[in-house]
Amino acid sequence: MNNDISNQFDPFNTVLGFAAATNISDWFIQVFTMAGISFDHNLTTKQDRSNTYRIRALRPRVVEAYNVLTKEARLAAANAALDRLLVIGKQSGTQNPGTNEGDIIAALNKIGWDYVGICRIK
């Protein structure tokens, strides 16, 4: 792949998708707050009834907070979020599909990115 495709796609969306795929809202919140993304965690009673509902409510808030960052800050946040997601997966000792390093890297590769400790253009 070349720089053209990686400039068209943001690695953050891939990280966001995998974080949501964990279906564990505490992990989802941790991934993005530890990446420095500030967003409203408050939920209505209806939004707070399951992990799926919580993630569904929080996801657009994370995207909104991410979109106000500068281009450089967005890449830093994507790297930090990805790193945290991988650490959580390793520490959990479970085989959660949202934290499978091979799957995440394969998805990043498809959009012109690689992960070698940091996201970089392939």
PDB file of N, CA and C in Angstrom:
ATOM      1  N   MET A   1       0.839  -1.177   0.000  1.00  0.00           N
ATOM      2  CA  MET A   1       0.000   0.000   0.000  1.00  0.00           C
ATOM      3  C   MET A   1       0.887   1.243   0.000  1.00  0.00           C
ATOM      4  N   ASN A   2       0.309   2.340  -0.430  1.00  0.00           N
ATOM      5  CA  ASN A   2       1.094   3.562  -0.457  1.00  0.00           C
ATOM      6  C   ASN A   2       0.472   4.621   0.436  1.00  0.00           C
ATOM      7  N   ASN A   3       1.119   5.772   0.481  1.00  0.00           N
ATOM      8  CA  ASN A   3       0.646   6.858   1.333  1.00  0.00           C
ATOM      9  C   ASN A   3      -0.733   7.355   0.943  1.00  0.00           C
ATOM     10  N   ASP A   4      -1.096   7.211  -0.341  1.00  0.00           N
ATOM     11  CA  ASP A   4      -2.392   7.725  -0.789  1.00  0.00           C
ATOM     12  C   ASP A   4      -3.543   7.104  -0.020  1.00  0.00           C
ATOM     13  N   ILE A   5      -3.559   5.788   0.116  1.00  0.00           N
ATOM     14  CA  ILE A   5      -4.672   5.139   0.806  1.00  0.00           C
ATOM     15  C   ILE A   5      -4.663   5.453   2.295  1.00  0.00           C
ATOM     16  N   SER A   6      -3.493   5.467   2.921  1.00  0.00           N
ATOM     17  CA  SER A   6      -3.447   5.732   4.357  1.00  0.00           C
ATOM     18  C   SER A   6      -3.851   7.159   4.674  1.00  0.00           C
ATOM     19  N   ASN A   7      -3.652   8.078   3.742  1.00  0.00           N
ATOM     20  CA  ASN A   7      -4.097   9.453   3.960  1.00  0.00           C
ATOM     21  C   ASN A   7      -5.612   9.585   3.850  1.00  0.00           C
ATOM     22  N   GLN A   8      -6.248   8.614   3.208  1.00  0.00           N
ATOM     23  CA  GLN A   8      -7.696   8.633   3.046  1.00  0.00           C
ATOM     24  C   GLN A   8      -8.419   8.051   4.260  1.00  0.00           C
ATOM     25  N   PHE A   9      -7.758   7.183   5.007  1.00  0.00           N
ATOM     26  CA  PHE A   9      -8.387   6.483   6.109  1.00  0.00           C
ATOM     27  C   PHE A   9      -7.711   6.805   7.429  1.00  0.00           C
ATOM     28  N   ASP A  10      -8.515   6.941   8.457  1.00  0.00           N
ATOM     29  CA  ASP A  10      -8.039   7.272   9.791  1.00  0.00           C
ATOM     30  C   ASP A  10      -7.971   5.984  10.617  1.00  0.00           C
ATOM     31  N   PRO A  11      -6.811   5.659  11.195  1.00  0.00           N
ATOM     32  CA  PRO A  11      -6.712   4.422  11.974  1.00  0.00           C
ATOM     33  C   PRO A  11      -7.603   4.427  13.218  1.00  0.00           C
ATOM     34  N   PHE A  12      -7.997   5.610  13.673  1.00  0.00           N
ATOM     35  CA  PHE A  12      -8.822   5.699  14.874  1.00  0.00           C
ATOM     36  C   PHE A  12     -10.146   4.964  14.709  1.00  0.00           C
ATOM     37  N   ASN A  13     -10.736   5.044  13.525  1.00  0.00           N
ATOM     38  CA  ASN A  13     -12.018   4.384  13.312  1.00  0.00           C
ATOM     39  C   ASN A  13     -11.893   2.873  13.453  1.00  0.00           C
ATOM     40  N   THR A  14     -10.769   2.337  13.052  1.00  0.00           N
ATOM     41  CA  THR A  14     -10.522   0.905  13.229  1.00  0.00           C
ATOM     42  C   THR A  14     -10.406   0.576  14.710  1.00  0.00           C
ATOM     43  N   VAL A  15      -9.656   1.382  15.438  1.00  0.00           N
ATOM     44  CA  VAL A  15      -9.497   1.172  16.882  1.00  0.00           C
ATOM     45  C   VAL A  15     -10.855   1.291  17.575  1.00  0.00           C
ATOM     46  N   LEU A  16     -11.618   2.286  17.191  1.00  0.00           N
ATOM     47  CA  LEU A  16     -12.946   2.492  17.772  1.00  0.00           C
ATOM     48  C   LEU A  16     -13.836   1.268  17.541  1.00  0.00           C
ATOM     49  N   GLY A  17     -13.797   0.738  16.345  1.00  0.00           N
ATOM     50  CA  GLY A  17     -14.593  -0.442  16.030  1.00  0.00           C
ATOM     51  C   GLY A  17     -14.206  -1.657  16.863  1.00  0.00           C
ATOM     52  N   PHE A  18     -12.911  -1.875  17.026  1.00  0.00           N
ATOM     53  CA  PHE A  18     -12.465  -3.014  17.829  1.00  0.00           C
ATOM     54  C   PHE A  18     -12.772  -2.792  19.314  1.00  0.00           C
ATOM     55  N   ALA A  19     -12.622  -1.568  19.790  1.00  0.00           N
ATOM     56  CA  ALA A  19     -12.958  -1.288  21.195  1.00  0.00           C
ATOM     57  C   ALA A  19     -14.438  -1.539  21.446  1.00  0.00           C
ATOM     58  N   ALA A  20     -15.277  -1.155  20.505  1.00  0.00           N
ATOM     59  CA  ALA A  20     -16.713  -1.413  20.638  1.00  0.00           C
ATOM     60  C   ALA A  20     -16.994  -2.916  20.574  1.00  0.00           C
ATOM     61  N   ALA A  21     -16.222  -3.636  19.755  1.00  0.00           N
ATOM     62  CA  ALA A  21     -16.429  -5.075  19.595  1.00  0.00           C
ATOM     63  C   ALA A  21     -16.102  -5.869  20.858  1.00  0.00           C
ATOM     64  N   THR A  22     -15.375  -5.272  21.791  1.00  0.00           N
ATOM     65  CA  THR A  22     -15.109  -5.970  23.053  1.00  0.00           C
ATOM     66  C   THR A  22     -16.416  -6.208  23.792  1.00  0.00           C
ATOM     67  N   ASN A  23     -17.379  -5.327  23.573  1.00  0.00           N
ATOM     68  CA  ASN A  23     -18.679  -5.352  24.252  1.00  0.00           C
ATOM     69  C   ASN A  23     -18.534  -5.296  25.772  1.00  0.00           C
ATOM     70  N   ILE A  24     -17.477  -4.617  26.216  1.00  0.00           N
ATOM     71  CA  ILE A  24     -17.259  -4.383  27.643  1.00  0.00           C
ATOM     72  C   ILE A  24     -17.110  -2.874  27.810  1.00  0.00           C
ATOM     73  N   SER A  25     -18.136  -2.235  28.324  1.00  0.00           N
ATOM     74  CA  SER A  25     -18.148  -0.775  28.364  1.00  0.00           C
ATOM     75  C   SER A  25     -17.046  -0.189  29.241  1.00  0.00           C
ATOM     76  N   ASP A  26     -16.666  -0.876  30.313  1.00  0.00           N
ATOM     77  CA  ASP A  26     -15.567  -0.365  31.143  1.00  0.00           C
ATOM     78  C   ASP A  26     -14.271  -0.312  30.346  1.00  0.00           C
ATOM     79  N   TRP A  27     -14.020  -1.319  29.527  1.00  0.00           N
ATOM     80  CA  TRP A  27     -12.827  -1.317  28.672  1.00  0.00           C
ATOM     81  C   TRP A  27     -12.929  -0.195  27.650  1.00  0.00           C
ATOM     82  N   PHE A  28     -14.100  -0.043  27.051  1.00  0.00           N
ATOM     83  CA  PHE A  28     -14.320   0.986  26.036  1.00  0.00           C
ATOM     84  C   PHE A  28     -13.992   2.366  26.616  1.00  0.00           C
ATOM     85  N   ILE A  29     -14.517   2.657  27.790  1.00  0.00           N
ATOM     86  CA  ILE A  29     -14.262   3.944  28.443  1.00  0.00           C
ATOM     87  C   ILE A  29     -12.776   4.089  28.753  1.00  0.00           C
ATOM     88  N   GLN A  30     -12.180   3.049  29.312  1.00  0.00           N
ATOM     89  CA  GLN A  30     -10.767   3.099  29.686  1.00  0.00           C
ATOM     90  C   GLN A  30      -9.859   3.352  28.482  1.00  0.00           C
ATOM     91  N   VAL A  31     -10.134   2.688  27.373  1.00  0.00           N
ATOM     92  CA  VAL A  31      -9.313   2.841  26.170  1.00  0.00           C
ATOM     93  C   VAL A  31      -9.226   4.307  25.762  1.00  0.00           C
ATOM     94  N   PHE A  32     -10.361   4.988  25.741  1.00  0.00           N
ATOM     95  CA  PHE A  32     -10.370   6.355  25.219  1.00  0.00           C
ATOM     96  C   PHE A  32     -10.037   7.416  26.261  1.00  0.00           C
ATOM     97  N   THR A  33     -10.392   7.201  27.513  1.00  0.00           N
ATOM     98  CA  THR A  33      -9.991   8.180  28.520  1.00  0.00           C
ATOM     99  C   THR A  33      -8.494   8.129  28.747  1.00  0.00           C
ATOM    100  N   MET A  34      -7.906   6.933  28.702  1.00  0.00           N
ATOM    101  CA  MET A  34      -6.455   6.834  28.885  1.00  0.00           C
ATOM    102  C   MET A  34      -5.697   7.312  27.656  1.00  0.00           C
ATOM    103  N   ALA A  35      -6.394   7.482  26.544  1.00  0.00           N
ATOM    104  CA  ALA A  35      -5.789   8.069  25.343  1.00  0.00           C
ATOM    105  C   ALA A  35      -5.910   9.593  25.368  1.00  0.00           C
ATOM    106  N   GLY A  36      -6.499  10.124  26.420  1.00  0.00           N
ATOM    107  CA  GLY A  36      -6.608  11.572  26.563  1.00  0.00           C
ATOM    108  C   GLY A  36      -7.838  12.182  25.918  1.00  0.00           C
ATOM    109  N   ILE A  37      -8.784  11.359  25.536  1.00  0.00           N
ATOM    110  CA  ILE A  37     -10.000  11.871  24.902  1.00  0.00           C
ATOM    111  C   ILE A  37     -11.046  12.114  25.987  1.00  0.00           C
ATOM    112  N   SER A  38     -11.473  13.356  26.115  1.00  0.00           N
ATOM    113  CA  SER A  38     -12.467  13.725  27.131  1.00  0.00           C
ATOM    114  C   SER A  38     -13.855  13.703  26.521  1.00  0.00           C
ATOM    115  N   PHE A  39     -14.739  12.956  27.118  1.00  0.00           N
ATOM    116  CA  PHE A  39     -16.116  12.883  26.643  1.00  0.00           C
ATOM    117  C   PHE A  39     -17.039  12.631  27.826  1.00  0.00           C
ATOM    118  N   ASP A  40     -18.301  12.942  27.630  1.00  0.00           N
ATOM    119  CA  ASP A  40     -19.311  12.806  28.678  1.00  0.00           C
ATOM    120  C   ASP A  40     -19.617  11.331  28.913  1.00  0.00           C
ATOM    121  N   HIS A  41     -19.447  10.869  30.148  1.00  0.00           N
ATOM    122  CA  HIS A  41     -19.704   9.478  30.503  1.00  0.00           C
ATOM    123  C   HIS A  41     -21.106   9.276  31.062  1.00  0.00           C
ATOM    124  N   ASN A  42     -21.832  10.358  31.283  1.00  0.00           N
ATOM    125  CA  ASN A  42     -23.162  10.253  31.886  1.00  0.00           C
ATOM    126  C   ASN A  42     -24.132   9.560  30.935  1.00  0.00           C
ATOM    127  N   LEU A  43     -24.922   8.669  31.501  1.00  0.00           N
ATOM    128  CA  LEU A  43     -25.874   7.903  30.711  1.00  0.00           C
ATOM    129  C   LEU A  43     -27.263   7.981  31.336  1.00  0.00           C
ATOM    130  N   THR A  44     -28.260   7.902  30.491  1.00  0.00           N
ATOM    131  CA  THR A  44     -29.627   7.809  30.994  1.00  0.00           C
ATOM    132  C   THR A  44     -29.847   6.382  31.507  1.00  0.00           C
ATOM    133  N   THR A  45     -30.923   6.191  32.210  1.00  0.00           N
ATOM    134  CA  THR A  45     -31.243   4.849  32.704  1.00  0.00           C
ATOM    135  C   THR A  45     -31.372   3.867  31.551  1.00  0.00           C
ATOM    136  N   LYS A  46     -31.990   4.287  30.464  1.00  0.00           N
ATOM    137  CA  LYS A  46     -32.156   3.415  29.304  1.00  0.00           C
ATOM    138  C   LYS A  46     -30.795   3.066  28.674  1.00  0.00           C
ATOM    139  N   GLN A  47     -29.894   4.044  28.576  1.00  0.00           N
ATOM    140  CA  GLN A  47     -28.578   3.815  27.975  1.00  0.00           C
ATOM    141  C   GLN A  47     -27.686   2.950  28.857  1.00  0.00           C
ATOM    142  N   ASP A  48     -27.987   2.917  30.145  1.00  0.00           N
ATOM    143  CA  ASP A  48     -27.119   2.250  31.112  1.00  0.00           C
ATOM    144  C   ASP A  48     -27.551   0.818  31.427  1.00  0.00           C
ATOM    145  N   ARG A  49     -28.406   0.235  30.591  1.00  0.00           N
ATOM    146  CA  ARG A  49     -28.918  -1.085  30.971  1.00  0.00           C
ATOM    147  C   ARG A  49     -28.068  -2.269  30.516  1.00  0.00           C
ATOM    148  N   SER A  50     -27.108  -2.062  29.633  1.00  0.00           N
ATOM    149  CA  SER A  50     -26.227  -3.167  29.226  1.00  0.00           C
ATOM    150  C   SER A  50     -24.953  -2.587  28.616  1.00  0.00           C
ATOM    151  N   ASN A  51     -23.952  -3.436  28.473  1.00  0.00           N
ATOM    152  CA  ASN A  51     -22.710  -3.001  27.823  1.00  0.00           C
ATOM    153  C   ASN A  51     -22.988  -2.494  26.415  1.00  0.00           C
ATOM    154  N   THR A  52     -23.818  -3.205  25.684  1.00  0.00           N
ATOM    155  CA  THR A  52     -24.140  -2.820  24.306  1.00  0.00           C
ATOM    156  C   THR A  52     -24.772  -1.440  24.252  1.00  0.00           C
ATOM    157  N   TYR A  53     -25.734  -1.187  25.127  1.00  0.00           N
ATOM    158  CA  TYR A  53     -26.400   0.118  25.154  1.00  0.00           C
ATOM    159  C   TYR A  53     -25.422   1.218  25.565  1.00  0.00           C
ATOM    160  N   ARG A  54     -24.571   0.929  26.564  1.00  0.00           N
ATOM    161  CA  ARG A  54     -23.605   1.941  27.016  1.00  0.00           C
ATOM    162  C   ARG A  54     -22.639   2.303  25.888  1.00  0.00           C
ATOM    163  N   ILE A  55     -22.083   1.299  25.230  1.00  0.00           N
ATOM    164  CA  ILE A  55     -21.142   1.560  24.139  1.00  0.00           C
ATOM    165  C   ILE A  55     -21.834   2.299  23.003  1.00  0.00           C
ATOM    166  N   ARG A  56     -23.045   1.893  22.677  1.00  0.00           N
ATOM    167  CA  ARG A  56     -23.808   2.560  21.617  1.00  0.00           C
ATOM    168  C   ARG A  56     -24.024   4.041  21.942  1.00  0.00           C
ATOM    169  N   ALA A  57     -24.229   4.369  23.200  1.00  0.00           N
ATOM    170  CA  ALA A  57     -24.426   5.766  23.606  1.00  0.00           C
ATOM    171  C   ALA A  57     -23.109   6.540  23.647  1.00  0.00           C
ATOM    172  N   LEU A  58     -22.040   5.887  24.058  1.00  0.00           N
ATOM    173  CA  LEU A  58     -20.757   6.569  24.234  1.00  0.00           C
ATOM    174  C   LEU A  58     -19.977   6.734  22.933  1.00  0.00           C
ATOM    175  N   ARG A  59     -20.160   5.834  22.008  1.00  0.00           N
ATOM    176  CA  ARG A  59     -19.372   5.855  20.771  1.00  0.00           C
ATOM    177  C   ARG A  59     -19.442   7.199  20.040  1.00  0.00           C
ATOM    178  N   PRO A  60     -20.627   7.768  19.783  1.00  0.00           N
ATOM    179  CA  PRO A  60     -20.643   9.059  19.094  1.00  0.00           C
ATOM    180  C   PRO A  60     -20.015  10.192  19.905  1.00  0.00           C
ATOM    181  N   ARG A  61     -20.027  10.075  21.201  1.00  0.00           N
ATOM    182  CA  ARG A  61     -19.393  11.096  22.052  1.00  0.00           C
ATOM    183  C   ARG A  61     -17.875  11.037  21.905  1.00  0.00           C
ATOM    184  N   VAL A  62     -17.346   9.821  21.824  1.00  0.00           N
ATOM    185  CA  VAL A  62     -15.902   9.649  21.625  1.00  0.00           C
ATOM    186  C   VAL A  62     -15.510  10.232  20.265  1.00  0.00           C
ATOM    187  N   VAL A  63     -16.291   9.927  19.241  1.00  0.00           N
ATOM    188  CA  VAL A  63     -16.007  10.426  17.892  1.00  0.00           C
ATOM    189  C   VAL A  63     -16.057  11.948  17.874  1.00  0.00           C
ATOM    190  N   GLU A  64     -17.050  12.516  18.509  1.00  0.00           N
ATOM    191  CA  GLU A  64     -17.176  13.983  18.547  1.00  0.00           C
ATOM    192  C   GLU A  64     -15.967  14.620  19.235  1.00  0.00           C
ATOM    193  N   ALA A  65     -15.544  14.054  20.352  1.00  0.00           N
ATOM    194  CA  ALA A  65     -14.379  14.589  21.072  1.00  0.00           C
ATOM    195  C   ALA A  65     -13.101  14.417  20.248  1.00  0.00           C
ATOM    196  N   TYR A  66     -12.990  13.307  19.563  1.00  0.00           N
ATOM    197  CA  TYR A  66     -11.830  13.035  18.727  1.00  0.00           C
ATOM    198  C   TYR A  66     -11.755  14.010  17.551  1.00  0.00           C
ATOM    199  N   ASN A  67     -12.876  14.292  16.953  1.00  0.00           N
ATOM    200  CA  ASN A  67     -12.909  15.138  15.758  1.00  0.00           C
ATOM    201  C   ASN A  67     -12.497  16.586  16.008  1.00  0.00           C
ATOM    202  N   VAL A  68     -12.518  17.048  17.239  1.00  0.00           N
ATOM    203  CA  VAL A  68     -12.094  18.427  17.513  1.00  0.00           C
ATOM    204  C   VAL A  68     -10.587  18.540  17.710  1.00  0.00           C
ATOM    205  N   LEU A  69      -9.896  17.402  17.771  1.00  0.00           N
ATOM    206  CA  LEU A  69      -8.443  17.419  17.941  1.00  0.00           C
ATOM    207  C   LEU A  69      -7.753  17.804  16.636  1.00  0.00           C
ATOM    208  N   THR A  70      -6.536  18.299  16.761  1.00  0.00           N
ATOM    209  CA  THR A  70      -5.733  18.572  15.570  1.00  0.00           C
ATOM    210  C   THR A  70      -5.343  17.252  14.921  1.00  0.00           C
ATOM    211  N   LYS A  71      -4.870  17.310  13.686  1.00  0.00           N
ATOM    212  CA  LYS A  71      -4.466  16.090  12.974  1.00  0.00           C
ATOM    213  C   LYS A  71      -3.396  15.332  13.749  1.00  0.00           C
ATOM    214  N   GLU A  72      -2.425  16.050  14.280  1.00  0.00           N
ATOM    215  CA  GLU A  72      -1.346  15.416  15.031  1.00  0.00           C
ATOM    216  C   GLU A  72      -1.872  14.797  16.324  1.00  0.00           C
ATOM    217  N   ALA A  73      -2.769  15.503  16.998  1.00  0.00           N
ATOM    218  CA  ALA A  73      -3.342  14.985  18.243  1.00  0.00           C
ATOM    219  C   ALA A  73      -4.223  13.769  17.970  1.00  0.00           C
ATOM    220  N   ARG A  74      -4.909  13.757  16.834  1.00  0.00           N
ATOM    221  CA  ARG A  74      -5.739  12.600  16.485  1.00  0.00           C
ATOM    222  C   ARG A  74      -4.876  11.352  16.303  1.00  0.00           C
ATOM    223  N   LEU A  75      -3.746  11.482  15.615  1.00  0.00           N
ATOM    224  CA  LEU A  75      -2.867  10.332  15.432  1.00  0.00           C
ATOM    225  C   LEU A  75      -2.293   9.873  16.775  1.00  0.00           C
ATOM    226  N   ALA A  76      -1.938  10.818  17.620  1.00  0.00           N
ATOM    227  CA  ALA A  76      -1.434  10.459  18.952  1.00  0.00           C
ATOM    228  C   ALA A  76      -2.519   9.741  19.755  1.00  0.00           C
ATOM    229  N   ALA A  77      -3.747  10.219  19.669  1.00  0.00           N
ATOM    230  CA  ALA A  77      -4.859   9.584  20.385  1.00  0.00           C
ATOM    231  C   ALA A  77      -5.133   8.190  19.836  1.00  0.00           C
ATOM    232  N   ALA A  78      -5.067   8.029  18.522  1.00  0.00           N
ATOM    233  CA  ALA A  78      -5.275   6.705  17.911  1.00  0.00           C
ATOM    234  C   ALA A  78      -4.209   5.735  18.394  1.00  0.00           C
ATOM    235  N   ASN A  79      -2.962   6.186  18.440  1.00  0.00           N
ATOM    236  CA  ASN A  79      -1.880   5.333  18.926  1.00  0.00           C
ATOM    237  C   ASN A  79      -2.069   4.958  20.386  1.00  0.00           C
ATOM    238  N   ALA A  80      -2.406   5.940  21.203  1.00  0.00           N
ATOM    239  CA  ALA A  80      -2.590   5.688  22.636  1.00  0.00           C
ATOM    240  C   ALA A  80      -3.777   4.750  22.877  1.00  0.00           C
ATOM    241  N   ALA A  81      -4.857   4.960  22.141  1.00  0.00           N
ATOM    242  CA  ALA A  81      -6.040   4.109  22.300  1.00  0.00           C
ATOM    243  C   ALA A  81      -5.728   2.677  21.866  1.00  0.00           C
ATOM    244  N   LEU A  82      -5.038   2.530  20.754  1.00  0.00           N
ATOM    245  CA  LEU A  82      -4.682   1.194  20.277  1.00  0.00           C
ATOM    246  C   LEU A  82      -3.779   0.492  21.277  1.00  0.00           C
ATOM    247  N   ASP A  83      -2.797   1.197  21.770  1.00  0.00           N
ATOM    248  CA  ASP A  83      -1.889   0.613  22.749  1.00  0.00           C
ATOM    249  C   ASP A  83      -2.662   0.154  23.978  1.00  0.00           C
ATOM    250  N   ARG A  84      -3.557   0.987  24.466  1.00  0.00           N
ATOM    251  CA  ARG A  84      -4.332   0.636  25.665  1.00  0.00           C
ATOM    252  C   ARG A  84      -5.230  -0.572  25.394  1.00  0.00           C
ATOM    253  N   LEU A  85      -5.854  -0.602  24.232  1.00  0.00           N
ATOM    254  CA  LEU A  85      -6.721  -1.723  23.876  1.00  0.00           C
ATOM    255  C   LEU A  85      -5.933  -3.039  23.871  1.00  0.00           C
ATOM    256  N   LEU A  86      -4.743  -3.016  23.305  1.00  0.00           N
ATOM    257  CA  LEU A  86      -3.913  -4.219  23.263  1.00  0.00           C
ATOM    258  C   LEU A  86      -3.453  -4.635  24.658  1.00  0.00           C
ATOM    259  N   VAL A  87      -3.110  -3.663  25.490  1.00  0.00           N
ATOM    260  CA  VAL A  87      -2.694  -3.962  26.870  1.00  0.00           C
ATOM    261  C   VAL A  87      -3.851  -4.589  27.640  1.00  0.00           C
ATOM    262  N   ILE A  88      -5.038  -4.018  27.507  1.00  0.00           N
ATOM    263  CA  ILE A  88      -6.204  -4.570  28.200  1.00  0.00           C
ATOM    264  C   ILE A  88      -6.432  -6.016  27.779  1.00  0.00           C
ATOM    265  N   GLY A  89      -6.335  -6.258  26.483  1.00  0.00           N
ATOM    266  CA  GLY A  89      -6.525  -7.613  25.986  1.00  0.00           C
ATOM    267  C   GLY A  89      -5.525  -8.590  26.570  1.00  0.00           C
ATOM    268  N   LYS A  90      -4.272  -8.176  26.631  1.00  0.00           N
ATOM    269  CA  LYS A  90      -3.230  -9.056  27.167  1.00  0.00           C
ATOM    270  C   LYS A  90      -3.410  -9.265  28.667  1.00  0.00           C
ATOM    271  N   GLN A  91      -3.753  -8.210  29.386  1.00  0.00           N
ATOM    272  CA  GLN A  91      -3.914  -8.308  30.830  1.00  0.00           C
ATOM    273  C   GLN A  91      -5.142  -9.118  31.220  1.00  0.00           C
ATOM    274  N   SER A  92      -6.159  -9.102  30.390  1.00  0.00           N
ATOM    275  CA  SER A  92      -7.400  -9.790  30.738  1.00  0.00           C
ATOM    276  C   SER A  92      -7.234 -11.311  30.703  1.00  0.00           C
ATOM    277  N   GLY A  93      -6.322 -11.776  29.872  1.00  0.00           N
ATOM    278  CA  GLY A  93      -6.123 -13.206  29.750  1.00  0.00           C
ATOM    279  C   GLY A  93      -7.259 -13.919  29.028  1.00  0.00           C
ATOM    280  N   THR A  94      -8.171 -13.140  28.444  1.00  0.00           N
ATOM    281  CA  THR A  94      -9.283 -13.737  27.703  1.00  0.00           C
ATOM    282  C   THR A  94      -9.024 -13.611  26.210  1.00  0.00           C
ATOM    283  N   GLN A  95      -9.819 -14.272  25.428  1.00  0.00           N
ATOM    284  CA  GLN A  95      -9.698 -14.160  23.983  1.00  0.00           C
ATOM    285  C   GLN A  95     -10.877 -13.361  23.454  1.00  0.00           C
ATOM    286  N   ASN A  96     -10.908 -12.095  23.780  1.00  0.00           N
ATOM    287  CA  ASN A  96     -11.979 -11.208  23.341  1.00  0.00           C
ATOM    288  C   ASN A  96     -11.691 -10.786  21.901  1.00  0.00           C
ATOM    289  N   PRO A  97     -12.673 -10.921  20.997  1.00  0.00           N
ATOM    290  CA  PRO A  97     -12.421 -10.579  19.593  1.00  0.00           C
ATOM    291  C   PRO A  97     -12.034  -9.119  19.376  1.00  0.00           C
ATOM    292  N   GLY A  98     -12.431  -8.243  20.274  1.00  0.00           N
ATOM    293  CA  GLY A  98     -12.087  -6.832  20.136  1.00  0.00           C
ATOM    294  C   GLY A  98     -10.658  -6.500  20.481  1.00  0.00           C
ATOM    295  N   THR A  99      -9.949  -7.455  21.088  1.00  0.00           N
ATOM    296  CA  THR A  99      -8.560  -7.184  21.483  1.00  0.00           C
ATOM    297  C   THR A  99      -7.564  -8.108  20.789  1.00  0.00           C
ATOM    298  N   ASN A 100      -7.976  -8.783  19.728  1.00  0.00           N
ATOM    299  CA  ASN A 100      -7.084  -9.693  19.015  1.00  0.00           C
ATOM    300  C   ASN A 100      -6.093  -8.889  18.180  1.00  0.00           C
ATOM    301  N   GLU A 101      -4.832  -8.894  18.621  1.00  0.00           N
ATOM    302  CA  GLU A 101      -3.806  -8.067  17.977  1.00  0.00           C
ATOM    303  C   GLU A 101      -3.661  -8.374  16.493  1.00  0.00           C
ATOM    304  N   GLY A 102      -3.673  -9.644  16.128  1.00  0.00           N
ATOM    305  CA  GLY A 102      -3.540 -10.012  14.722  1.00  0.00           C
ATOM    306  C   GLY A 102      -4.670  -9.463  13.872  1.00  0.00           C
ATOM    307  N   ASP A 103      -5.897  -9.538  14.380  1.00  0.00           N
ATOM    308  CA  ASP A 103      -7.048  -9.013  13.644  1.00  0.00           C
ATOM    309  C   ASP A 103      -6.982  -7.495  13.515  1.00  0.00           C
ATOM    310  N   ILE A 104      -6.573  -6.835  14.577  1.00  0.00           N
ATOM    311  CA  ILE A 104      -6.483  -5.367  14.555  1.00  0.00           C
ATOM    312  C   ILE A 104      -5.422  -4.927  13.540  1.00  0.00           C
ATOM    313  N   ILE A 105      -4.265  -5.550  13.589  1.00  0.00           N
ATOM    314  CA  ILE A 105      -3.189  -5.183  12.658  1.00  0.00           C
ATOM    315  C   ILE A 105      -3.599  -5.484  11.223  1.00  0.00           C
ATOM    316  N   ALA A 106      -4.260  -6.606  10.989  1.00  0.00           N
ATOM    317  CA  ALA A 106      -4.729  -6.939   9.631  1.00  0.00           C
ATOM    318  C   ALA A 106      -5.719  -5.877   9.136  1.00  0.00           C
ATOM    319  N   ALA A 107      -6.609  -5.430  10.013  1.00  0.00           N
ATOM    320  CA  ALA A 107      -7.577  -4.396   9.624  1.00  0.00           C
ATOM    321  C   ALA A 107      -6.870  -3.077   9.315  1.00  0.00           C
ATOM    322  N   LEU A 108      -5.873  -2.725  10.114  1.00  0.00           N
ATOM    323  CA  LEU A 108      -5.101  -1.502   9.854  1.00  0.00           C
ATOM    324  C   LEU A 108      -4.354  -1.616   8.527  1.00  0.00           C
ATOM    325  N   ASN A 109      -3.775  -2.771   8.260  1.00  0.00           N
ATOM    326  CA  ASN A 109      -3.043  -2.986   7.005  1.00  0.00           C
ATOM    327  C   ASN A 109      -3.945  -2.769   5.800  1.00  0.00           C
ATOM    328  N   LYS A 110      -5.186  -3.190   5.895  1.00  0.00           N
ATOM    329  CA  LYS A 110      -6.119  -3.050   4.775  1.00  0.00           C
ATOM    330  C   LYS A 110      -6.410  -1.597   4.419  1.00  0.00           C
ATOM    331  N   ILE A 111      -6.202  -0.696   5.377  1.00  0.00           N
ATOM    332  CA  ILE A 111      -6.437   0.723   5.084  1.00  0.00           C
ATOM    333  C   ILE A 111      -5.131   1.507   4.989  1.00  0.00           C
ATOM    334  N   GLY A 112      -4.018   0.781   4.824  1.00  0.00           N
ATOM    335  CA  GLY A 112      -2.741   1.436   4.571  1.00  0.00           C
ATOM    336  C   GLY A 112      -1.940   1.808   5.803  1.00  0.00           C
ATOM    337  N   TRP A 113      -2.287   1.244   6.953  1.00  0.00           N
ATOM    338  CA  TRP A 113      -1.581   1.539   8.191  1.00  0.00           C
ATOM    339  C   TRP A 113      -0.952   0.264   8.738  1.00  0.00           C
ATOM    340  N   ASP A 114       0.048   0.455   9.565  1.00  0.00           N
ATOM    341  CA  ASP A 114       0.708  -0.657  10.224  1.00  0.00           C
ATOM    342  C   ASP A 114       0.844  -0.295  11.696  1.00  0.00           C
ATOM    343  N   TYR A 115       1.073  -1.277  12.522  1.00  0.00           N
ATOM    344  CA  TYR A 115       1.290  -1.022  13.948  1.00  0.00           C
ATOM    345  C   TYR A 115       2.547  -1.750  14.380  1.00  0.00           C
ATOM    346  N   VAL A 116       3.527  -0.988  14.770  1.00  0.00           N
ATOM    347  CA  VAL A 116       4.783  -1.539  15.294  1.00  0.00           C
ATOM    348  C   VAL A 116       5.122  -0.761  16.560  1.00  0.00           C
ATOM    349  N   GLY A 117       4.213  -0.813  17.504  1.00  0.00           N
ATOM    350  CA  GLY A 117       4.343   0.001  18.705  1.00  0.00           C
ATOM    351  C   GLY A 117       3.668   1.343  18.544  1.00  0.00           C
ATOM    352  N   ILE A 118       3.553   1.812  17.301  1.00  0.00           N
ATOM    353  CA  ILE A 118       2.801   3.014  16.967  1.00  0.00           C
ATOM    354  C   ILE A 118       2.154   2.796  15.602  1.00  0.00           C
ATOM    355  N   CYS A 119       1.050   3.485  15.357  1.00  0.00           N
ATOM    356  CA  CYS A 119       0.452   3.444  14.022  1.00  0.00           C
ATOM    357  C   CYS A 119       1.332   4.270  13.093  1.00  0.00           C
ATOM    358  N   ARG A 120       1.618   3.721  11.939  1.00  0.00           N
ATOM    359  CA  ARG A 120       2.390   4.473  10.966  1.00  0.00           C
ATOM    360  C   ARG A 120       1.898   4.111   9.567  1.00  0.00           C
ATOM    361  N   ILE A 121       2.158   4.998   8.649  1.00  0.00           N
ATOM    362  CA  ILE A 121       1.791   4.750   7.255  1.00  0.00           C
ATOM    363  C   ILE A 121       2.638   3.600   6.768  1.00  0.00           C
ATOM    364  N   LYS A 122       1.993   2.662   6.114  1.00  0.00           N
ATOM    365  CA  LYS A 122       2.683   1.472   5.616  1.00  0.00           C
ATOM    366  C   LYS A 122       3.544   1.799   4.424  1.00  0.00           C
TER     367      LYS A 122
END
